[in-house]
Amino acid sequence: MSAKNGSIKLIAGNSNPALAQAVADGIGLSLTKGVVRRFADMEIFVEIQENVRGSDAFILQSTSYPANDHLMELLIITDALRRSSARRITAVIPYFGYARQDRRSGSRTPISAKLVANLITQAGVDRVMTLDLHAGQIQGFFDIPTDNLYASPLMVRDIKEKFDVAKVMVVSPDVGGVARARGLAKRINTPLAIIDKRRERPGESEVMNVIGEVAGHTCILIDDIVDSGGTLVNAADALLANGAKEVYAYISHGVLSGGAVTRITSSRLKELVITDSIQPTEAVRNAANIRTLSVAGLIAEAINRTAAEESVSSLFD
């Protein structure tokens, strides 16, 4: 596959090499040869070892844990490509870290998502491609074209293959995620329920009420990020207490920090399905009730369409 105005070059950082290779395989290209390494003081050094002059360059890099290291890698790779005369640079960021800091949560606090957007733009990125942003309005934080891809088509296909949708109910784990859950429920033609929760402090949640008749249904929780896992575990308990038959969860980004994997595996959640936007840890791969869906094909097709100057949004029509 060639770009409309130059060859495609795929450059991978260290955040998710398995996904980067899968995307390259999906496009039918090899990853561009390069070095991303660290000096003794952990300073990052990048060297592109192929000619990229005039190319349509795509950097595949999630800003997942360790978020700051992977963000700096992205910025330095961008600078290396810009100084090597790449025609256009697209940052493909399957998981956009700092997205949860999209507004001021109190006095004298930052809007870090906007700061990160400024850093990426000023480094020389011409276009951003990401997946299931925590808040859609973050696209407006960038002053360059931004494509927000959606994992929902993959989830819909998987749900239809795994479940009798006549017995399924989609559940939003909080009021803020209702639009996302409603969209998926509409795609599979199922009813919707909502968990009303109160968060006392970051990383902890208390389920207060279940809005909707979930008794007898197989409930599927839908959200964009699972971090500590506390919300999902509490939500599953509340749904089962209200008569749900089984509880599953489909989440775009498996951050799964701290003891989250242990919390999920020891919970009453039947299965957690995540994408590989963040490279799964060994604990995640070995967990009996955590499964991964690959977004490599989706990203590969979006890259092909971007390079050919074709519509990306039509992927989700």
C-alpha atoms as a PDB file:
ATOM      1  CA  MET A   1       0.000   0.000   0.000  1.00  0.00           C
ATOM      2  CA  SER A   2       1.373   3.432  -0.943  1.00  0.00           C
ATOM      3  CA  ALA A   3       0.313   6.810   0.276  1.00  0.00           C
ATOM      4  CA  LYS A   4      -1.325   9.167  -2.173  1.00  0.00           C
ATOM      5  CA  ASN A   5       1.651  11.517  -2.044  1.00  0.00           C
ATOM      6  CA  GLY A   6       4.520   9.326  -0.892  1.00  0.00           C
ATOM      7  CA  SER A   7       5.377   5.964   0.646  1.00  0.00           C
ATOM      8  CA  ILE A   8       3.998   4.839   4.021  1.00  0.00           C
ATOM      9  CA  LYS A   9       6.477   4.435   6.852  1.00  0.00           C
ATOM     10  CA  LEU A  10       5.428   2.772  10.123  1.00  0.00           C
ATOM     11  CA  ILE A  11       7.575   3.613  13.144  1.00  0.00           C
ATOM     12  CA  ALA A  12       6.984   1.873  16.467  1.00  0.00           C
ATOM     13  CA  GLY A  13       7.883   3.107  19.916  1.00  0.00           C
ATOM     14  CA  ASN A  14       8.346   0.764  22.864  1.00  0.00           C
ATOM     15  CA  SER A  15       4.832   1.013  24.333  1.00  0.00           C
ATOM     16  CA  ASN A  16       3.185  -1.815  22.395  1.00  0.00           C
ATOM     17  CA  PRO A  17       5.489  -3.571  19.893  1.00  0.00           C
ATOM     18  CA  ALA A  18       3.114  -6.540  19.483  1.00  0.00           C
ATOM     19  CA  LEU A  19       0.257  -4.280  18.323  1.00  0.00           C
ATOM     20  CA  ALA A  20       2.606  -2.305  16.061  1.00  0.00           C
ATOM     21  CA  GLN A  21       3.766  -5.508  14.371  1.00  0.00           C
ATOM     22  CA  ALA A  22       0.186  -6.703  13.956  1.00  0.00           C
ATOM     23  CA  VAL A  23      -0.769  -3.371  12.350  1.00  0.00           C
ATOM     24  CA  ALA A  24       2.224  -3.601  10.008  1.00  0.00           C
ATOM     25  CA  ASP A  25       1.218  -7.147   9.056  1.00  0.00           C
ATOM     26  CA  GLY A  26      -2.339  -5.936   8.402  1.00  0.00           C
ATOM     27  CA  ILE A  27      -1.095  -3.269   6.005  1.00  0.00           C
ATOM     28  CA  GLY A  28       1.453  -5.589   4.421  1.00  0.00           C
ATOM     29  CA  LEU A  29       4.512  -3.511   5.321  1.00  0.00           C
ATOM     30  CA  SER A  30       7.567  -3.936   7.514  1.00  0.00           C
ATOM     31  CA  LEU A  31       8.141  -1.647  10.465  1.00  0.00           C
ATOM     32  CA  THR A  32      10.695   1.047   9.682  1.00  0.00           C
ATOM     33  CA  LYS A  33      14.104   0.224  11.102  1.00  0.00           C
ATOM     34  CA  GLY A  34      15.025   2.413  14.015  1.00  0.00           C
ATOM     35  CA  VAL A  35      16.474   2.540  17.488  1.00  0.00           C
ATOM     36  CA  VAL A  36      14.756   3.846  20.611  1.00  0.00           C
ATOM     37  CA  ARG A  37      17.080   3.391  23.563  1.00  0.00           C
ATOM     38  CA  ARG A  38      18.158   5.028  26.789  1.00  0.00           C
ATOM     39  CA  PHE A  39      21.423   6.387  28.051  1.00  0.00           C
ATOM     40  CA  ALA A  40      22.637   5.462  31.531  1.00  0.00           C
ATOM     41  CA  ASP A  41      20.670   8.345  33.067  1.00  0.00           C
ATOM     42  CA  MET A  42      17.491   7.113  31.253  1.00  0.00           C
ATOM     43  CA  GLU A  43      17.648   9.922  28.691  1.00  0.00           C
ATOM     44  CA  ILE A  44      15.885   8.761  25.499  1.00  0.00           C
ATOM     45  CA  PHE A  45      17.747   8.515  22.196  1.00  0.00           C
ATOM     46  CA  VAL A  46      16.100   7.866  18.830  1.00  0.00           C
ATOM     47  CA  GLU A  47      17.662   7.063  15.462  1.00  0.00           C
ATOM     48  CA  ILE A  48      15.638   6.353  12.287  1.00  0.00           C
ATOM     49  CA  GLN A  49      17.738   3.922  10.237  1.00  0.00           C
ATOM     50  CA  GLU A  50      15.885   4.213   6.915  1.00  0.00           C
ATOM     51  CA  ASN A  51      15.312   7.053   4.483  1.00  0.00           C
ATOM     52  CA  VAL A  52      11.965   8.690   5.317  1.00  0.00           C
ATOM     53  CA  ARG A  53      12.317  11.838   3.174  1.00  0.00           C
ATOM     54  CA  GLY A  54       8.976  12.697   1.581  1.00  0.00           C
ATOM     55  CA  SER A  55       7.198   9.791   3.282  1.00  0.00           C
ATOM     56  CA  ASP A  56       3.809   9.571   5.000  1.00  0.00           C
ATOM     57  CA  ALA A  57       5.045   8.545   8.463  1.00  0.00           C
ATOM     58  CA  PHE A  58       2.863   6.926  11.129  1.00  0.00           C
ATOM     59  CA  ILE A  59       4.180   6.606  14.701  1.00  0.00           C
ATOM     60  CA  LEU A  60       2.495   3.766  16.619  1.00  0.00           C
ATOM     61  CA  GLN A  61       2.746   4.595  20.310  1.00  0.00           C
ATOM     62  CA  SER A  62       0.293   4.436  23.218  1.00  0.00           C
ATOM     63  CA  THR A  63       1.029   6.734  26.140  1.00  0.00           C
ATOM     64  CA  SER A  64       0.389   3.939  28.631  1.00  0.00           C
ATOM     65  CA  TYR A  65       2.461   2.956  31.676  1.00  0.00           C
ATOM     66  CA  PRO A  66       5.077   4.318  32.123  1.00  0.00           C
ATOM     67  CA  ALA A  67       3.100   7.192  30.613  1.00  0.00           C
ATOM     68  CA  ASN A  68       5.772   9.883  30.792  1.00  0.00           C
ATOM     69  CA  ASP A  69       8.468   7.691  29.210  1.00  0.00           C
ATOM     70  CA  HIS A  70       6.205   6.681  26.361  1.00  0.00           C
ATOM     71  CA  LEU A  71       5.061  10.261  25.817  1.00  0.00           C
ATOM     72  CA  MET A  72       8.675  11.453  25.592  1.00  0.00           C
ATOM     73  CA  GLU A  73       9.447   8.644  23.141  1.00  0.00           C
ATOM     74  CA  LEU A  74       6.575   9.846  20.950  1.00  0.00           C
ATOM     75  CA  LEU A  75       7.793  13.442  21.026  1.00  0.00           C
ATOM     76  CA  ILE A  76      11.417  12.545  20.264  1.00  0.00           C
ATOM     77  CA  ILE A  77      10.475  10.146  17.439  1.00  0.00           C
ATOM     78  CA  THR A  78       8.381  12.967  15.987  1.00  0.00           C
ATOM     79  CA  ASP A  79      11.325  15.350  16.123  1.00  0.00           C
ATOM     80  CA  ALA A  80      13.603  12.769  14.478  1.00  0.00           C
ATOM     81  CA  LEU A  81      11.117  12.293  11.623  1.00  0.00           C
ATOM     82  CA  ARG A  82      10.564  16.022  11.169  1.00  0.00           C
ATOM     83  CA  ARG A  83      14.300  16.657  10.958  1.00  0.00           C
ATOM     84  CA  SER A  84      14.583  13.762   8.480  1.00  0.00           C
ATOM     85  CA  SER A  85      12.133  15.507   6.109  1.00  0.00           C
ATOM     86  CA  ALA A  86       9.120  13.211   6.449  1.00  0.00           C
ATOM     87  CA  ARG A  87       6.309  14.778   4.389  1.00  0.00           C
ATOM     88  CA  ARG A  88       3.565  14.172   6.967  1.00  0.00           C
ATOM     89  CA  ILE A  89       3.683  12.756  10.495  1.00  0.00           C
ATOM     90  CA  THR A  90       0.659  11.040  12.040  1.00  0.00           C
ATOM     91  CA  ALA A  91       0.762  10.020  15.697  1.00  0.00           C
ATOM     92  CA  VAL A  92      -1.267   6.827  16.105  1.00  0.00           C
ATOM     93  CA  ILE A  93      -2.026   6.743  19.841  1.00  0.00           C
ATOM     94  CA  PRO A  94      -4.358   3.792  20.575  1.00  0.00           C
ATOM     95  CA  TYR A  95      -4.478   4.745  24.254  1.00  0.00           C
ATOM     96  CA  PHE A  96      -4.186   8.480  24.910  1.00  0.00           C
ATOM     97  CA  GLY A  97      -2.870   8.902  28.453  1.00  0.00           C
ATOM     98  CA  TYR A  98      -3.805  11.965  30.510  1.00  0.00           C
ATOM     99  CA  ALA A  99      -7.261  11.906  28.856  1.00  0.00           C
ATOM    100  CA  ARG A 100      -8.948  11.707  32.252  1.00  0.00           C
ATOM    101  CA  GLN A 101      -7.502  15.131  33.099  1.00  0.00           C
ATOM    102  CA  ASP A 102      -9.725  16.861  30.551  1.00  0.00           C
ATOM    103  CA  ARG A 103     -11.052  19.602  32.857  1.00  0.00           C
ATOM    104  CA  ARG A 104     -10.179  21.414  36.065  1.00  0.00           C
ATOM    105  CA  SER A 105     -11.275  19.226  38.968  1.00  0.00           C
ATOM    106  CA  GLY A 106     -10.674  21.957  41.541  1.00  0.00           C
ATOM    107  CA  SER A 107      -8.896  25.209  42.240  1.00  0.00           C
ATOM    108  CA  ARG A 108      -5.286  25.475  41.056  1.00  0.00           C
ATOM    109  CA  THR A 109      -5.381  22.213  39.063  1.00  0.00           C
ATOM    110  CA  PRO A 110      -4.210  21.676  35.475  1.00  0.00           C
ATOM    111  CA  ILE A 111      -5.958  20.524  32.321  1.00  0.00           C
ATOM    112  CA  SER A 112      -3.219  18.060  31.505  1.00  0.00           C
ATOM    113  CA  ALA A 113      -4.931  16.580  28.434  1.00  0.00           C
ATOM    114  CA  LYS A 114      -4.701  19.997  26.756  1.00  0.00           C
ATOM    115  CA  LEU A 115      -1.044  20.362  27.778  1.00  0.00           C
ATOM    116  CA  VAL A 116      -0.190  16.960  26.261  1.00  0.00           C
ATOM    117  CA  ALA A 117      -2.092  17.882  23.088  1.00  0.00           C
ATOM    118  CA  ASN A 118      -0.003  21.073  22.843  1.00  0.00           C
ATOM    119  CA  LEU A 119       3.249  19.146  23.336  1.00  0.00           C
ATOM    120  CA  ILE A 120       2.365  16.666  20.585  1.00  0.00           C
ATOM    121  CA  THR A 121       1.383  19.446  18.183  1.00  0.00           C
ATOM    122  CA  GLN A 122       4.451  21.577  18.898  1.00  0.00           C
ATOM    123  CA  ALA A 123       6.763  18.588  18.439  1.00  0.00           C
ATOM    124  CA  GLY A 124       5.703  18.531  14.780  1.00  0.00           C
ATOM    125  CA  VAL A 125       2.859  16.006  14.491  1.00  0.00           C
ATOM    126  CA  ASP A 126       0.544  16.852  11.573  1.00  0.00           C
ATOM    127  CA  ARG A 127      -2.316  14.524  12.448  1.00  0.00           C
ATOM    128  CA  VAL A 128      -3.445  12.398  15.407  1.00  0.00           C
ATOM    129  CA  MET A 129      -5.274   9.081  15.340  1.00  0.00           C
ATOM    130  CA  THR A 130      -6.533   7.584  18.592  1.00  0.00           C
ATOM    131  CA  LEU A 131      -9.073   5.084  19.917  1.00  0.00           C
ATOM    132  CA  ASP A 132     -12.078   5.664  22.209  1.00  0.00           C
ATOM    133  CA  LEU A 133     -11.038   8.924  23.833  1.00  0.00           C
ATOM    134  CA  HIS A 134     -12.216   9.254  27.423  1.00  0.00           C
ATOM    135  CA  ALA A 135     -14.075  12.406  26.361  1.00  0.00           C
ATOM    136  CA  GLY A 136     -14.817  13.174  22.734  1.00  0.00           C
ATOM    137  CA  GLN A 137     -14.205  16.896  23.208  1.00  0.00           C
ATOM    138  CA  ILE A 138     -10.479  16.199  23.680  1.00  0.00           C
ATOM    139  CA  GLN A 139     -10.332  16.185  19.863  1.00  0.00           C
ATOM    140  CA  GLY A 140     -10.829  19.946  20.192  1.00  0.00           C
ATOM    141  CA  PHE A 141      -7.707  20.235  22.356  1.00  0.00           C
ATOM    142  CA  PHE A 142      -5.651  19.568  19.216  1.00  0.00           C
ATOM    143  CA  ASP A 143      -5.215  22.307  16.610  1.00  0.00           C
ATOM    144  CA  ILE A 144      -4.502  19.619  13.991  1.00  0.00           C
ATOM    145  CA  PRO A 145      -6.806  17.011  12.390  1.00  0.00           C
ATOM    146  CA  THR A 146      -7.713  14.266  14.885  1.00  0.00           C
ATOM    147  CA  ASP A 147      -9.448  10.966  14.152  1.00  0.00           C
ATOM    148  CA  ASN A 148     -11.088   9.189  17.098  1.00  0.00           C
ATOM    149  CA  LEU A 149     -11.607   5.522  16.192  1.00  0.00           C
ATOM    150  CA  TYR A 150     -14.128   3.294  17.985  1.00  0.00           C
ATOM    151  CA  ALA A 151     -13.768  -0.268  19.226  1.00  0.00           C
ATOM    152  CA  SER A 152     -17.553  -0.722  19.377  1.00  0.00           C
ATOM    153  CA  PRO A 153     -17.849  -2.548  15.997  1.00  0.00           C
ATOM    154  CA  LEU A 154     -15.409  -5.187  17.276  1.00  0.00           C
ATOM    155  CA  MET A 155     -17.334  -5.476  20.538  1.00  0.00           C
ATOM    156  CA  VAL A 156     -20.692  -5.730  18.760  1.00  0.00           C
ATOM    157  CA  ARG A 157     -19.393  -8.526  16.557  1.00  0.00           C
ATOM    158  CA  ASP A 158     -17.982 -10.394  19.551  1.00  0.00           C
ATOM    159  CA  ILE A 159     -21.176  -9.986  21.600  1.00  0.00           C
ATOM    160  CA  LYS A 160     -23.341 -11.269  18.751  1.00  0.00           C
ATOM    161  CA  GLU A 161     -21.073 -14.311  18.404  1.00  0.00           C
ATOM    162  CA  LYS A 162     -20.935 -15.102  22.133  1.00  0.00           C
ATOM    163  CA  PHE A 163     -24.431 -14.306  23.423  1.00  0.00           C
ATOM    164  CA  ASP A 164     -28.113 -14.673  22.738  1.00  0.00           C
ATOM    165  CA  VAL A 165     -28.754 -10.929  22.411  1.00  0.00           C
ATOM    166  CA  ALA A 166     -32.442 -11.422  23.241  1.00  0.00           C
ATOM    167  CA  LYS A 167     -31.333 -12.096  26.826  1.00  0.00           C
ATOM    168  CA  VAL A 168     -28.686  -9.367  27.041  1.00  0.00           C
ATOM    169  CA  MET A 169     -28.894  -5.980  28.765  1.00  0.00           C
ATOM    170  CA  VAL A 170     -26.204  -3.342  28.259  1.00  0.00           C
ATOM    171  CA  VAL A 171     -25.214  -1.466  31.420  1.00  0.00           C
ATOM    172  CA  SER A 172     -23.390   1.824  31.868  1.00  0.00           C
ATOM    173  CA  PRO A 173     -21.236   1.692  35.041  1.00  0.00           C
ATOM    174  CA  ASP A 174     -21.895   5.397  35.670  1.00  0.00           C
ATOM    175  CA  VAL A 175     -24.024   8.262  34.438  1.00  0.00           C
ATOM    176  CA  GLY A 176     -21.117   9.749  32.467  1.00  0.00           C
ATOM    177  CA  GLY A 177     -20.896   6.680  30.228  1.00  0.00           C
ATOM    178  CA  VAL A 178     -24.585   6.530  29.271  1.00  0.00           C
ATOM    179  CA  ALA A 179     -24.057   7.831  25.719  1.00  0.00           C
ATOM    180  CA  ARG A 180     -21.424   5.160  25.020  1.00  0.00           C
ATOM    181  CA  ALA A 181     -23.575   2.372  26.461  1.00  0.00           C
ATOM    182  CA  ARG A 182     -26.703   3.590  24.684  1.00  0.00           C
ATOM    183  CA  GLY A 183     -24.870   3.578  21.363  1.00  0.00           C
ATOM    184  CA  LEU A 184     -23.817  -0.048  21.796  1.00  0.00           C
ATOM    185  CA  ALA A 185     -27.261  -1.100  23.049  1.00  0.00           C
ATOM    186  CA  LYS A 186     -28.787   0.449  19.924  1.00  0.00           C
ATOM    187  CA  ARG A 187     -26.395  -1.476  17.677  1.00  0.00           C
ATOM    188  CA  ILE A 188     -27.399  -4.841  19.160  1.00  0.00           C
ATOM    189  CA  ASN A 189     -31.013  -3.843  19.892  1.00  0.00           C
ATOM    190  CA  THR A 190     -31.004  -4.512  23.644  1.00  0.00           C
ATOM    191  CA  PRO A 191     -32.324  -2.575  26.674  1.00  0.00           C
ATOM    192  CA  LEU A 192     -30.144  -0.295  28.772  1.00  0.00           C
ATOM    193  CA  ALA A 193     -29.528  -0.024  32.515  1.00  0.00           C
ATOM    194  CA  ILE A 194     -27.424   2.458  34.480  1.00  0.00           C
ATOM    195  CA  ILE A 195     -25.369   2.162  37.649  1.00  0.00           C
ATOM    196  CA  ASP A 196     -25.727   5.205  39.903  1.00  0.00           C
ATOM    197  CA  LYS A 197     -22.506   5.470  41.894  1.00  0.00           C
ATOM    198  CA  ARG A 198     -20.804   7.907  44.214  1.00  0.00           C
ATOM    199  CA  ARG A 199     -17.008   8.225  44.129  1.00  0.00           C
ATOM    200  CA  GLU A 200     -15.700   9.287  47.553  1.00  0.00           C
ATOM    201  CA  ARG A 201     -12.041   9.558  46.483  1.00  0.00           C
ATOM    202  CA  PRO A 202      -9.919   8.746  43.379  1.00  0.00           C
ATOM    203  CA  GLY A 203      -9.596   5.006  42.747  1.00  0.00           C
ATOM    204  CA  GLU A 204     -12.551   4.083  44.950  1.00  0.00           C
ATOM    205  CA  SER A 205     -16.236   3.858  44.102  1.00  0.00           C
ATOM    206  CA  GLU A 206     -19.420   2.924  45.922  1.00  0.00           C
ATOM    207  CA  VAL A 207     -22.383   1.650  43.941  1.00  0.00           C
ATOM    208  CA  MET A 208     -25.551   3.325  45.164  1.00  0.00           C
ATOM    209  CA  ASN A 209     -28.361   2.118  42.911  1.00  0.00           C
ATOM    210  CA  VAL A 210     -29.241   0.199  39.748  1.00  0.00           C
ATOM    211  CA  ILE A 211     -31.542   2.049  37.361  1.00  0.00           C
ATOM    212  CA  GLY A 212     -33.388  -0.504  35.223  1.00  0.00           C
ATOM    213  CA  GLU A 213     -34.876  -3.988  35.547  1.00  0.00           C
ATOM    214  CA  VAL A 214     -31.879  -6.321  35.213  1.00  0.00           C
ATOM    215  CA  ALA A 215     -33.408  -9.454  36.751  1.00  0.00           C
ATOM    216  CA  GLY A 216     -32.957 -12.511  34.541  1.00  0.00           C
ATOM    217  CA  HIS A 217     -30.700 -10.743  32.051  1.00  0.00           C
ATOM    218  CA  THR A 218     -27.092 -11.349  31.082  1.00  0.00           C
ATOM    219  CA  CYS A 219     -25.635  -7.929  31.823  1.00  0.00           C
ATOM    220  CA  ILE A 220     -22.768  -6.431  29.816  1.00  0.00           C
ATOM    221  CA  LEU A 221     -20.961  -3.444  31.349  1.00  0.00           C
ATOM    222  CA  ILE A 222     -19.522  -1.006  28.779  1.00  0.00           C
ATOM    223  CA  ASP A 223     -16.827   1.590  29.481  1.00  0.00           C
ATOM    224  CA  ASP A 224     -13.700   3.113  27.951  1.00  0.00           C
ATOM    225  CA  ILE A 225     -11.159   2.546  30.759  1.00  0.00           C
ATOM    226  CA  VAL A 226     -10.716  -0.008  33.535  1.00  0.00           C
ATOM    227  CA  ASP A 227      -8.020   1.112  35.974  1.00  0.00           C
ATOM    228  CA  SER A 228      -8.294  -0.181  39.542  1.00  0.00           C
ATOM    229  CA  GLY A 229     -11.236  -2.441  38.656  1.00  0.00           C
ATOM    230  CA  GLY A 230     -13.192  -1.342  41.722  1.00  0.00           C
ATOM    231  CA  THR A 231     -16.069   0.138  39.743  1.00  0.00           C
ATOM    232  CA  LEU A 232     -16.567  -3.048  37.702  1.00  0.00           C
ATOM    233  CA  VAL A 233     -16.408  -5.333  40.735  1.00  0.00           C
ATOM    234  CA  ASN A 234     -18.908  -3.211  42.683  1.00  0.00           C
ATOM    235  CA  ALA A 235     -21.169  -2.899  39.658  1.00  0.00           C
ATOM    236  CA  ALA A 236     -21.144  -6.674  39.088  1.00  0.00           C
ATOM    237  CA  ASP A 237     -22.086  -7.279  42.725  1.00  0.00           C
ATOM    238  CA  ALA A 238     -24.926  -4.753  42.526  1.00  0.00           C
ATOM    239  CA  LEU A 239     -26.304  -6.218  39.299  1.00  0.00           C
ATOM    240  CA  LEU A 240     -26.211  -9.786  40.651  1.00  0.00           C
ATOM    241  CA  ALA A 241     -27.883  -8.596  43.859  1.00  0.00           C
ATOM    242  CA  ASN A 242     -30.664  -7.187  41.674  1.00  0.00           C
ATOM    243  CA  GLY A 243     -31.240 -10.523  39.944  1.00  0.00           C
ATOM    244  CA  ALA A 244     -28.899 -10.412  36.950  1.00  0.00           C
ATOM    245  CA  LYS A 245     -28.067 -13.871  35.632  1.00  0.00           C
ATOM    246  CA  GLU A 246     -24.400 -13.184  34.760  1.00  0.00           C
ATOM    247  CA  VAL A 247     -22.233 -10.074  34.389  1.00  0.00           C
ATOM    248  CA  TYR A 248     -19.625  -9.448  31.701  1.00  0.00           C
ATOM    249  CA  ALA A 249     -17.649  -6.285  30.889  1.00  0.00           C
ATOM    250  CA  TYR A 250     -16.347  -4.905  27.588  1.00  0.00           C
ATOM    251  CA  ILE A 251     -13.776  -2.138  28.111  1.00  0.00           C
ATOM    252  CA  SER A 252     -11.654  -0.400  25.467  1.00  0.00           C
ATOM    253  CA  HIS A 253      -8.495   0.265  27.484  1.00  0.00           C
ATOM    254  CA  GLY A 254      -7.195  -2.158  30.116  1.00  0.00           C
ATOM    255  CA  VAL A 255      -5.029   0.093  32.295  1.00  0.00           C
ATOM    256  CA  LEU A 256      -5.405  -2.410  35.170  1.00  0.00           C
ATOM    257  CA  SER A 257      -3.024  -0.753  37.615  1.00  0.00           C
ATOM    258  CA  GLY A 258      -1.932  -2.019  41.030  1.00  0.00           C
ATOM    259  CA  GLY A 259      -3.940  -5.028  42.211  1.00  0.00           C
ATOM    260  CA  ALA A 260      -6.616  -4.680  39.543  1.00  0.00           C
ATOM    261  CA  VAL A 261      -5.999  -8.069  37.901  1.00  0.00           C
ATOM    262  CA  THR A 262      -6.259  -9.885  41.234  1.00  0.00           C
ATOM    263  CA  ARG A 263      -9.398  -7.894  42.043  1.00  0.00           C
ATOM    264  CA  ILE A 264     -10.997  -8.876  38.710  1.00  0.00           C
ATOM    265  CA  THR A 265     -10.030 -12.559  38.861  1.00  0.00           C
ATOM    266  CA  SER A 266     -11.394 -12.936  42.396  1.00  0.00           C
ATOM    267  CA  SER A 267     -14.619 -11.069  41.623  1.00  0.00           C
ATOM    268  CA  ARG A 268     -18.046 -12.321  40.528  1.00  0.00           C
ATOM    269  CA  LEU A 269     -17.483 -10.843  37.070  1.00  0.00           C
ATOM    270  CA  LYS A 270     -17.839 -13.686  34.571  1.00  0.00           C
ATOM    271  CA  GLU A 271     -15.438 -12.179  32.024  1.00  0.00           C
ATOM    272  CA  LEU A 272     -13.660  -8.913  31.277  1.00  0.00           C
ATOM    273  CA  VAL A 273     -12.977  -8.250  27.588  1.00  0.00           C
ATOM    274  CA  ILE A 274     -10.418  -5.546  26.747  1.00  0.00           C
ATOM    275  CA  THR A 275      -8.622  -4.465  23.578  1.00  0.00           C
ATOM    276  CA  ASP A 276      -4.862  -4.568  23.026  1.00  0.00           C
ATOM    277  CA  SER A 277      -4.603  -0.746  22.840  1.00  0.00           C
ATOM    278  CA  ILE A 278      -2.373  -1.210  25.907  1.00  0.00           C
ATOM    279  CA  GLN A 279       0.051  -4.114  25.781  1.00  0.00           C
ATOM    280  CA  PRO A 280      -1.317  -6.791  28.154  1.00  0.00           C
ATOM    281  CA  THR A 281       0.942  -7.716  31.061  1.00  0.00           C
ATOM    282  CA  GLU A 282       1.772 -11.332  31.855  1.00  0.00           C
ATOM    283  CA  ALA A 283      -0.766 -11.216  34.697  1.00  0.00           C
ATOM    284  CA  VAL A 284      -3.477 -10.109  32.257  1.00  0.00           C
ATOM    285  CA  ARG A 285      -2.539 -12.805  29.724  1.00  0.00           C
ATOM    286  CA  ASN A 286      -2.700 -15.490  32.409  1.00  0.00           C
ATOM    287  CA  ALA A 287      -5.945 -14.311  34.026  1.00  0.00           C
ATOM    288  CA  ALA A 288      -8.724 -16.868  33.605  1.00  0.00           C
ATOM    289  CA  ASN A 289     -11.528 -14.324  33.174  1.00  0.00           C
ATOM    290  CA  ILE A 290      -9.775 -11.610  31.108  1.00  0.00           C
ATOM    291  CA  ARG A 291      -9.802 -11.814  27.305  1.00  0.00           C
ATOM    292  CA  THR A 292      -8.292  -9.513  24.687  1.00  0.00           C
ATOM    293  CA  LEU A 293      -9.713  -8.316  21.358  1.00  0.00           C
ATOM    294  CA  SER A 294      -7.199  -6.981  18.832  1.00  0.00           C
ATOM    295  CA  VAL A 295      -7.708  -3.546  17.283  1.00  0.00           C
ATOM    296  CA  ALA A 296      -4.819  -4.076  14.830  1.00  0.00           C
ATOM    297  CA  GLY A 297      -7.101  -4.624  11.829  1.00  0.00           C
ATOM    298  CA  LEU A 298      -9.123  -1.501  12.618  1.00  0.00           C
ATOM    299  CA  ILE A 299      -6.015   0.673  12.971  1.00  0.00           C
ATOM    300  CA  ALA A 300      -4.444  -0.802   9.824  1.00  0.00           C
ATOM    301  CA  GLU A 301      -7.537   0.045   7.781  1.00  0.00           C
ATOM    302  CA  ALA A 302      -7.664   3.570   9.240  1.00  0.00           C
ATOM    303  CA  ILE A 303      -3.990   4.101   8.337  1.00  0.00           C
ATOM    304  CA  ASN A 304      -4.614   2.840   4.798  1.00  0.00           C
ATOM    305  CA  ARG A 305      -7.543   5.233   4.381  1.00  0.00           C
ATOM    306  CA  THR A 306      -5.629   8.175   5.836  1.00  0.00           C
ATOM    307  CA  ALA A 307      -2.680   7.558   3.519  1.00  0.00           C
ATOM    308  CA  ALA A 308      -5.002   7.287   0.519  1.00  0.00           C
ATOM    309  CA  GLU A 309      -6.907  10.450   1.558  1.00  0.00           C
ATOM    310  CA  GLU A 310     -10.120   8.432   1.967  1.00  0.00           C
ATOM    311  CA  SER A 311     -12.834   8.697   4.629  1.00  0.00           C
ATOM    312  CA  VAL A 312     -12.041   7.220   8.043  1.00  0.00           C
ATOM    313  CA  SER A 313     -15.414   8.011   9.615  1.00  0.00           C
ATOM    314  CA  SER A 314     -17.188   5.763   7.083  1.00  0.00           C
ATOM    315  CA  LEU A 315     -15.596   2.804   8.909  1.00  0.00           C
ATOM    316  CA  PHE A 316     -18.234   3.347  11.615  1.00  0.00           C
ATOM    317  CA  ASP A 317     -21.305   4.196   9.538  1.00  0.00           C
END
